[in-house]
Amino acid sequence: MSAALPIRQENRKTAKSRASALLLTLAMATFLAGCQKSAADNPPGAGAPAIPVQTRVTASVKIPDTSEYLSLLKSRHSAVINPQVEGQITKISVKSGDRVSAGTALLQIDPLKQQATVSSQEATRAAQEANLRYAKVSLERAQKLFAAGVISKQDFDNAQTNYEGALAQVKALDEQVTQQKVELHYYSVTAPMDGIVGDIPVRMGDRVTVSTLLTTIDEPGALEAYIYVPAERARNLKVGLPVRLLDSAGNPAGETRITFVSPQVDTDTQSVLAKATIANSQDKLRMAQQIRAQITWGTREGPVIPILAVLRINGQFFAFVAVKEASGTVARQRILKLGDTIGNDYAVLDGLKPGDHIITSGMQFLQDGMPVAEQAQSDGKAAAGQ
């Protein structure tokens, strides 16, 4: 009897422990079930306080339809100086950057050989002039003798023919001497107009030909932008279209219009040449400078969005829009397709429509579906992150 009593007491303790464990398990199951039901009845964000945000109503504005092309600046008041004769350079009278007037001597090509040619031609002409004088005297004598009946008509005609032949030879030699003197003038290279001397790639003693570049003369002033437009867009190209010139940083460098459109397509590049005249009164642009030319084809109506209201993740642009739903005003994420910038805004090609309320502040704290409270902007500008 004494041994059985401890065994019964131990069994009672084990039964109580099991009962307690069972009650604890049931209580935990009931709690978890209640939590799951509460989570199902109250999705994330429900009951959370609305985040105050600033919004801007999307308006429809006139958006310019533009295209950018690389252009090359050229001058109609620029001359490339090549020699008109061959020879060795004996003198360079100017240096790069000098301002010269028309007729100023630039370089000298050795003229000794040409001077000798001129002298030879002049000597030949002098000899022929002596023959002409003799032929004239003979003609006058023959004329008197023929009148007196001393010589025949044939002798008189021969004397007259000799005189006319000598006269023709003198005239021909005069033309040759003049031609050689003109060519002698080419050995002194002069400026064809007023302007600034460019680079001088040749040196004293160099032998030059008619294809050798000696230097350039550039007259400050108006330039022309040579714009090469792809052939498929050329059907919209016409004289008078606005052109905006942009430097490498995208800053405006001038405003102009198309002044010329080529009637044919370049077979090598399949592009059409368009020209736009630039006043360049302050000489900020240089000849042969490459610059971006933005052609405005026309305008269209469409929405815009502040640059600071646009977020970019993994190359994709998107924004948040305040939308009124049954549960209240919430933030909805919109994927955007953007165009060019217009001042402080992007042109929106897809993703927004006029009348949408764009969220312009606190975007980094938002998620799709979060409740928001709209506030009017104080300065009318987007203030992302404030």
Protein backbone atom coordinates (compact mmCIF):
# COMPACT_ATOMS: atom_id res chain seq x y z
CA MET A 1 0.00 0.00 0.00
CA SER A 2 2.72 2.38 0.87
CA ALA A 3 4.39 1.91 -2.59
CA ALA A 4 1.18 2.48 -4.60
CA LEU A 5 0.46 5.92 -3.06
CA PRO A 6 3.45 7.76 -4.57
CA ILE A 7 2.61 6.26 -8.01
CA ARG A 8 -0.95 7.63 -7.91
CA GLN A 9 0.25 11.06 -6.86
CA GLU A 10 2.74 11.11 -9.73
CA ASN A 11 0.01 10.16 -12.25
CA ARG A 12 -2.19 12.98 -10.97
CA LYS A 13 0.67 15.51 -11.51
CA THR A 14 1.28 14.22 -15.06
CA ALA A 15 -2.42 14.55 -15.89
CA LYS A 16 -2.49 18.13 -14.60
CA SER A 17 0.58 19.01 -16.68
CA ARG A 18 -0.98 17.61 -19.81
CA ALA A 19 -4.21 19.49 -19.18
CA SER A 20 -2.33 22.74 -18.68
CA ALA A 21 -0.38 22.22 -21.90
CA LEU A 22 -3.61 21.50 -23.79
CA LEU A 23 -5.27 24.66 -22.47
CA LEU A 24 -2.20 26.74 -23.41
CA THR A 25 -2.20 25.30 -26.94
CA LEU A 26 -5.91 26.09 -27.37
CA ALA A 27 -5.37 29.64 -26.11
CA MET A 28 -2.50 30.25 -28.54
CA ALA A 29 -4.54 28.87 -31.45
CA THR A 30 -7.45 31.14 -30.57
CA PHE A 31 -5.10 34.18 -30.37
CA LEU A 32 -3.45 33.46 -33.70
CA ALA A 33 -6.82 32.93 -35.37
CA GLY A 34 -7.94 36.27 -34.03
CA CYS A 35 -4.78 37.96 -35.30
CA GLN A 36 -5.19 36.45 -38.77
CA LYS A 37 -8.81 37.58 -38.93
CA SER A 38 -7.80 41.06 -37.82
CA ALA A 39 -5.08 41.21 -40.49
CA ALA A 40 -7.54 40.05 -43.14
CA ASP A 41 -10.13 42.63 -42.07
CA ASN A 42 -7.55 45.46 -41.90
CA PRO A 43 -5.11 45.50 -44.89
CA PRO A 44 -1.78 47.45 -44.70
CA GLY A 45 -2.33 51.18 -44.69
CA ALA A 46 -5.92 50.93 -43.47
CA GLY A 47 -6.41 53.20 -40.56
CA ALA A 48 -2.92 54.76 -40.99
CA PRO A 49 -2.78 58.57 -40.85
CA ALA A 50 -2.79 60.34 -44.23
CA ILE A 51 0.57 61.81 -45.27
CA PRO A 52 0.35 65.52 -46.14
CA VAL A 53 1.65 66.16 -49.69
CA GLN A 54 1.70 69.05 -52.09
CA THR A 55 0.05 68.53 -55.45
CA ARG A 56 -0.14 70.29 -58.79
CA VAL A 57 -2.97 69.90 -61.27
CA THR A 58 -1.73 68.79 -64.69
CA ALA A 59 -2.53 71.36 -67.33
CA SER A 60 -2.50 71.01 -71.10
CA VAL A 61 0.07 73.34 -72.66
CA LYS A 62 1.55 73.91 -76.10
CA ILE A 63 4.53 71.60 -76.47
CA PRO A 64 7.00 72.23 -79.32
CA ASP A 65 7.81 69.29 -81.59
CA THR A 66 11.59 69.51 -81.96
CA SER A 67 14.53 67.49 -83.28
CA GLU A 68 18.25 68.01 -82.66
CA TYR A 69 20.96 67.58 -85.27
CA LEU A 70 24.68 68.21 -85.33
CA SER A 71 25.58 71.20 -87.49
CA LEU A 72 28.77 72.77 -88.76
CA LEU A 73 29.31 76.53 -88.84
CA LYS A 74 30.71 78.01 -92.03
CA SER A 75 31.28 81.54 -93.23
CA ARG A 76 30.40 83.07 -96.57
CA HIS A 77 33.03 85.71 -95.79
CA SER A 78 36.01 83.40 -95.56
CA ALA A 79 38.70 82.75 -98.15
CA VAL A 80 41.10 79.83 -98.45
CA ILE A 81 44.38 81.12 -99.87
CA ASN A 82 46.17 78.85 -102.35
CA PRO A 83 49.01 79.95 -104.64
CA GLN A 84 48.25 80.39 -108.33
CA VAL A 85 51.84 79.54 -109.30
CA GLU A 86 54.51 77.08 -108.19
CA GLY A 87 57.73 78.05 -106.49
CA GLN A 88 59.67 78.49 -103.28
CA ILE A 89 58.47 80.77 -100.47
CA THR A 90 60.99 83.56 -99.87
CA LYS A 91 59.04 85.81 -97.50
CA ILE A 92 56.10 85.64 -95.06
CA SER A 93 54.85 89.14 -94.25
CA VAL A 94 52.10 88.35 -91.70
CA LYS A 95 51.43 86.05 -88.77
CA SER A 96 48.35 84.19 -87.63
CA GLY A 97 45.76 86.45 -86.04
CA ASP A 98 46.80 89.63 -87.85
CA ARG A 99 44.02 91.85 -89.15
CA VAL A 100 44.67 92.77 -92.78
CA SER A 101 42.92 94.80 -95.45
CA ALA A 102 42.32 93.85 -99.06
CA GLY A 103 45.54 93.94 -101.09
CA THR A 104 47.91 93.45 -98.12
CA ALA A 105 50.93 91.30 -99.03
CA LEU A 106 50.84 87.97 -97.22
CA LEU A 107 53.62 85.83 -98.73
CA GLN A 108 56.20 86.07 -101.49
CA ILE A 109 57.07 83.24 -103.85
CA ASP A 110 60.47 83.43 -105.58
CA PRO A 111 59.78 85.41 -108.82
CA LEU A 112 63.27 85.34 -110.40
CA LYS A 113 62.44 82.76 -113.05
CA GLN A 114 59.25 84.54 -114.00
CA GLN A 115 61.02 87.91 -114.12
CA ALA A 116 63.53 86.39 -116.55
CA THR A 117 60.66 85.14 -118.71
CA VAL A 118 59.13 88.62 -118.76
CA SER A 119 62.46 90.17 -119.72
CA SER A 120 62.90 87.66 -122.55
CA GLN A 121 59.44 88.37 -123.89
CA GLU A 122 60.03 92.10 -123.75
CA ALA A 123 63.30 91.71 -125.70
CA THR A 124 61.56 89.66 -128.35
CA ARG A 125 58.87 92.30 -128.62
CA ALA A 126 61.51 95.05 -129.00
CA ALA A 127 63.15 93.14 -131.85
CA GLN A 128 59.82 92.68 -133.56
CA GLU A 129 59.03 96.36 -133.15
CA ALA A 130 62.28 97.12 -135.08
CA ASN A 131 61.10 94.81 -137.86
CA LEU A 132 57.77 96.62 -137.82
CA ARG A 133 59.44 99.99 -138.28
CA TYR A 134 61.49 98.65 -141.21
CA ALA A 135 58.38 97.14 -142.80
CA LYS A 136 56.59 100.46 -142.43
CA VAL A 137 59.43 102.36 -144.14
CA SER A 138 59.52 99.78 -146.95
CA LEU A 139 55.77 100.10 -147.43
CA GLU A 140 55.94 103.89 -147.66
CA ARG A 141 58.79 103.65 -150.25
CA ALA A 142 56.95 101.03 -152.27
CA GLN A 143 53.83 103.16 -152.26
CA LYS A 144 55.73 106.11 -153.81
CA LEU A 145 57.47 103.91 -156.38
CA PHE A 146 54.21 102.25 -157.36
CA ALA A 147 52.58 105.64 -157.76
CA ALA A 148 55.46 106.67 -160.05
CA GLY A 149 55.11 103.44 -162.05
CA VAL A 150 58.57 102.19 -161.13
CA ILE A 151 57.45 98.93 -159.44
CA SER A 152 54.66 96.53 -160.15
CA LYS A 153 51.46 96.09 -158.24
CA GLN A 154 52.75 92.75 -156.91
CA ASP A 155 55.83 94.36 -155.35
CA PHE A 156 53.63 96.93 -153.68
CA ASP A 157 51.33 94.20 -152.32
CA ASN A 158 54.31 92.27 -150.94
CA ALA A 159 55.55 95.34 -149.06
CA GLN A 160 52.09 95.89 -147.58
CA THR A 161 51.80 92.23 -146.54
CA ASN A 162 55.19 92.34 -144.80
CA TYR A 163 54.10 95.39 -142.86
CA GLU A 164 50.80 93.86 -141.75
CA GLY A 165 52.57 90.63 -140.71
CA ALA A 166 55.11 92.54 -138.62
CA LEU A 167 52.31 94.55 -136.98
CA ALA A 168 50.39 91.36 -136.07
CA GLN A 169 53.50 89.80 -134.53
CA VAL A 170 54.07 92.90 -132.39
CA LYS A 171 50.49 92.72 -131.11
CA ALA A 172 50.86 89.02 -130.29
CA LEU A 173 54.08 89.68 -128.41
CA ASP A 174 52.37 92.49 -126.51
CA GLU A 175 49.72 90.03 -125.31
CA GLN A 176 52.39 87.52 -124.27
CA VAL A 177 54.29 90.15 -122.30
CA THR A 178 51.06 91.25 -120.58
CA GLN A 179 50.25 87.63 -119.71
CA GLN A 180 53.68 87.01 -118.25
CA LYS A 181 53.48 90.23 -116.21
CA VAL A 182 50.09 89.18 -114.81
CA GLU A 183 51.54 85.80 -113.83
CA LEU A 184 54.48 87.61 -112.22
CA HIS A 185 51.95 89.43 -110.06
CA TYR A 186 50.77 86.05 -108.68
CA TYR A 187 54.17 85.47 -107.08
CA SER A 188 53.17 88.07 -104.49
CA VAL A 189 50.23 86.57 -102.53
CA THR A 190 47.87 89.28 -101.24
CA ALA A 191 44.69 89.33 -99.12
CA PRO A 192 41.53 89.24 -101.27
CA MET A 193 39.45 91.06 -98.61
CA ASP A 194 39.55 92.58 -95.15
CA GLY A 195 39.75 90.01 -92.37
CA ILE A 196 41.83 88.03 -89.89
CA VAL A 197 44.72 85.80 -90.96
CA GLY A 198 44.24 82.18 -89.96
CA ASP A 199 46.84 79.46 -89.48
CA ILE A 200 49.89 79.58 -91.77
CA PRO A 201 51.04 75.95 -92.18
CA VAL A 202 53.90 76.74 -94.62
CA ARG A 203 57.39 77.99 -93.72
CA MET A 204 60.16 79.97 -95.38
CA GLY A 205 61.89 77.88 -98.04
CA ASP A 206 58.96 75.51 -98.59
CA ARG A 207 58.15 74.70 -102.20
CA VAL A 208 54.46 75.14 -102.93
CA THR A 209 52.11 74.15 -105.74
CA VAL A 210 48.69 75.41 -106.72
CA SER A 211 47.11 72.86 -104.34
CA THR A 212 49.13 73.93 -101.26
CA LEU A 213 47.16 75.65 -98.48
CA LEU A 214 48.93 78.87 -97.55
CA THR A 215 46.48 80.36 -95.03
CA THR A 216 42.89 81.59 -94.64
CA ILE A 217 41.31 85.03 -94.34
CA ASP A 218 38.19 85.15 -92.18
CA GLU A 219 35.97 88.18 -92.03
CA PRO A 220 34.18 88.46 -88.64
CA GLY A 221 30.42 88.49 -88.80
CA ALA A 222 27.58 86.34 -90.03
CA LEU A 223 27.92 82.56 -90.20
CA GLU A 224 25.81 79.78 -91.66
CA ALA A 225 24.85 76.62 -89.82
CA TYR A 226 25.00 73.62 -92.15
CA ILE A 227 22.37 71.20 -90.80
CA TYR A 228 22.12 67.69 -92.24
CA VAL A 229 18.58 66.36 -91.78
CA PRO A 230 17.80 62.66 -92.40
CA ALA A 231 15.95 62.13 -95.68
CA GLU A 232 12.90 60.57 -93.99
CA ARG A 233 12.29 63.81 -92.06
CA ALA A 234 13.08 66.08 -95.00
CA ARG A 235 9.46 66.14 -96.20
CA ASN A 236 8.67 68.47 -93.28
CA LEU A 237 11.73 70.65 -93.90
CA LYS A 238 10.99 74.11 -95.27
CA VAL A 239 12.38 77.63 -95.26
CA GLY A 240 11.37 79.65 -92.20
CA LEU A 241 11.31 76.87 -89.58
CA PRO A 242 12.70 78.10 -86.21
CA VAL A 243 16.16 76.87 -85.26
CA ARG A 244 17.68 77.06 -81.79
CA LEU A 245 21.44 76.63 -81.48
CA LEU A 246 22.77 74.87 -78.38
CA ASP A 247 26.33 74.57 -77.11
CA SER A 248 27.88 71.36 -75.76
CA ALA A 249 26.34 72.00 -72.32
CA GLY A 250 22.87 72.46 -73.79
CA ASN A 251 22.81 76.22 -73.22
CA PRO A 252 21.22 78.45 -75.90
CA ALA A 253 23.79 79.91 -78.29
CA GLY A 254 21.45 81.69 -80.69
CA GLU A 255 18.07 81.77 -82.40
CA THR A 256 17.59 81.73 -86.17
CA ARG A 257 15.47 80.23 -88.95
CA ILE A 258 16.02 77.92 -91.92
CA THR A 259 17.10 80.03 -94.91
CA PHE A 260 17.90 77.31 -97.47
CA VAL A 261 16.84 73.73 -98.16
CA SER A 262 18.73 71.64 -100.69
CA PRO A 263 16.53 70.20 -103.46
CA GLN A 264 18.43 66.91 -103.49
CA VAL A 265 19.53 64.18 -101.07
CA ASP A 266 23.20 63.48 -100.42
CA THR A 267 23.78 59.98 -101.80
CA ASP A 268 26.52 59.16 -99.27
CA THR A 269 24.75 60.23 -96.05
CA GLN A 270 21.12 60.05 -97.22
CA SER A 271 20.51 63.45 -95.68
CA VAL A 272 19.26 66.81 -96.90
CA LEU A 273 21.31 69.96 -96.34
CA ALA A 274 19.57 72.88 -94.66
CA LYS A 275 21.22 76.22 -93.88
CA ALA A 276 20.42 78.79 -91.21
CA THR A 277 22.06 82.24 -91.13
CA ILE A 278 23.50 83.38 -87.78
CA ALA A 279 24.16 87.07 -87.12
CA ASN A 280 26.97 86.33 -84.60
CA SER A 281 27.30 90.03 -83.80
CA GLN A 282 29.34 89.33 -80.65
CA ASP A 283 31.67 86.82 -82.35
CA LYS A 284 30.87 84.11 -79.80
CA LEU A 285 30.79 81.42 -82.48
CA ARG A 286 33.68 80.35 -84.69
CA MET A 287 33.92 79.08 -88.23
CA ALA A 288 34.14 75.25 -88.51
CA GLN A 289 32.69 74.93 -84.98
CA GLN A 290 30.35 72.00 -84.43
CA ILE A 291 27.15 72.92 -82.64
CA ARG A 292 23.76 71.34 -81.97
CA ALA A 293 20.83 72.72 -83.95
CA GLN A 294 17.30 72.19 -82.62
CA ILE A 295 14.66 72.50 -85.33
CA THR A 296 11.07 73.20 -84.21
CA TRP A 297 8.66 71.45 -86.57
CA GLY A 298 5.49 72.71 -84.88
CA THR A 299 3.54 72.58 -81.59
CA ARG A 300 0.98 70.26 -80.02
CA GLU A 301 -1.22 70.26 -76.93
CA GLY A 302 -0.18 67.95 -74.09
CA PRO A 303 0.47 67.62 -70.35
CA VAL A 304 3.72 68.50 -68.56
CA ILE A 305 5.15 67.50 -65.20
CA PRO A 306 7.70 69.28 -62.96
CA ILE A 307 11.17 67.80 -63.25
CA LEU A 308 11.44 67.43 -59.46
CA ALA A 309 8.20 65.44 -59.35
CA VAL A 310 9.67 62.68 -61.52
CA LEU A 311 11.42 59.66 -59.98
CA ARG A 312 13.72 57.36 -61.89
CA ILE A 313 14.50 53.79 -60.90
CA ASN A 314 16.35 51.31 -63.13
CA GLY A 315 15.96 53.57 -66.12
CA GLN A 316 12.18 53.86 -65.73
CA PHE A 317 10.44 57.18 -65.01
CA PHE A 318 7.40 57.37 -62.80
CA ALA A 319 5.46 59.78 -60.57
CA PHE A 320 2.78 59.68 -57.87
CA VAL A 321 -0.73 61.01 -58.47
CA ALA A 322 -3.28 61.76 -55.78
CA VAL A 323 -6.47 59.83 -56.63
CA LYS A 324 -9.83 60.01 -54.82
CA GLU A 325 -11.15 56.53 -54.10
CA ALA A 326 -13.93 55.10 -51.95
CA SER A 327 -11.59 54.84 -48.95
CA GLY A 328 -10.28 58.41 -49.44
CA THR A 329 -7.43 60.10 -51.30
CA VAL A 330 -4.51 57.75 -51.97
CA ALA A 331 -1.21 57.94 -53.85
CA ARG A 332 -1.07 55.97 -57.08
CA GLN A 333 2.15 55.29 -58.95
CA ARG A 334 2.16 56.08 -62.68
CA ILE A 335 4.78 54.95 -65.20
CA LEU A 336 5.68 57.82 -67.51
CA LYS A 337 6.98 58.23 -71.03
CA LEU A 338 8.69 61.60 -71.20
CA GLY A 339 9.67 63.93 -74.01
CA ASP A 340 11.91 66.98 -74.07
CA THR A 341 12.29 69.44 -71.21
CA ILE A 342 10.31 72.68 -71.39
CA GLY A 343 11.78 75.08 -68.85
CA ASN A 344 11.44 73.31 -65.45
CA ASP A 345 9.01 70.68 -66.77
CA TYR A 346 9.06 67.50 -68.81
CA ALA A 347 6.68 67.01 -71.71
CA VAL A 348 4.64 63.87 -70.95
CA LEU A 349 4.06 61.58 -73.91
CA ASP A 350 2.18 58.90 -71.95
CA GLY A 351 1.13 58.20 -68.36
CA LEU A 352 -0.69 61.43 -67.43
CA LYS A 353 -3.70 63.35 -68.66
CA PRO A 354 -4.83 66.93 -68.02
CA GLY A 355 -6.53 67.27 -64.64
CA ASP A 356 -4.42 64.68 -62.78
CA HIS A 357 -3.17 65.80 -59.36
CA ILE A 358 0.61 65.28 -59.44
CA ILE A 359 2.27 64.83 -56.03
CA THR A 360 5.28 67.14 -55.89
CA SER A 361 6.59 66.58 -52.34
CA GLY A 362 7.47 63.68 -50.06
CA MET A 363 7.60 61.10 -52.87
CA GLN A 364 10.41 59.18 -51.16
CA PHE A 365 8.03 58.29 -48.30
CA LEU A 366 5.17 57.10 -50.51
CA GLN A 367 4.06 53.70 -51.68
CA ASP A 368 1.30 52.81 -54.08
CA GLY A 369 -2.07 52.97 -52.24
CA MET A 370 -0.91 54.99 -49.22
CA PRO A 371 -3.45 57.59 -47.96
CA VAL A 372 -2.43 61.20 -48.57
CA ALA A 373 -3.81 64.62 -47.72
CA GLU A 374 -3.47 67.22 -50.49
CA GLN A 375 -2.07 70.66 -49.70
CA ALA A 376 -1.84 73.63 -52.02
CA GLN A 377 1.68 74.69 -53.09
CA SER A 378 2.79 78.01 -51.69
CA ASP A 379 5.17 78.97 -54.54
CA GLY A 380 3.75 76.94 -57.41
CA LYS A 381 6.97 74.94 -57.82
CA ALA A 382 7.69 71.32 -57.12
CA ALA A 383 9.55 70.71 -53.89
CA ALA A 384 10.42 67.06 -53.91
CA GLY A 385 11.69 65.67 -50.66
CA GLN A 386 10.46 68.60 -48.55
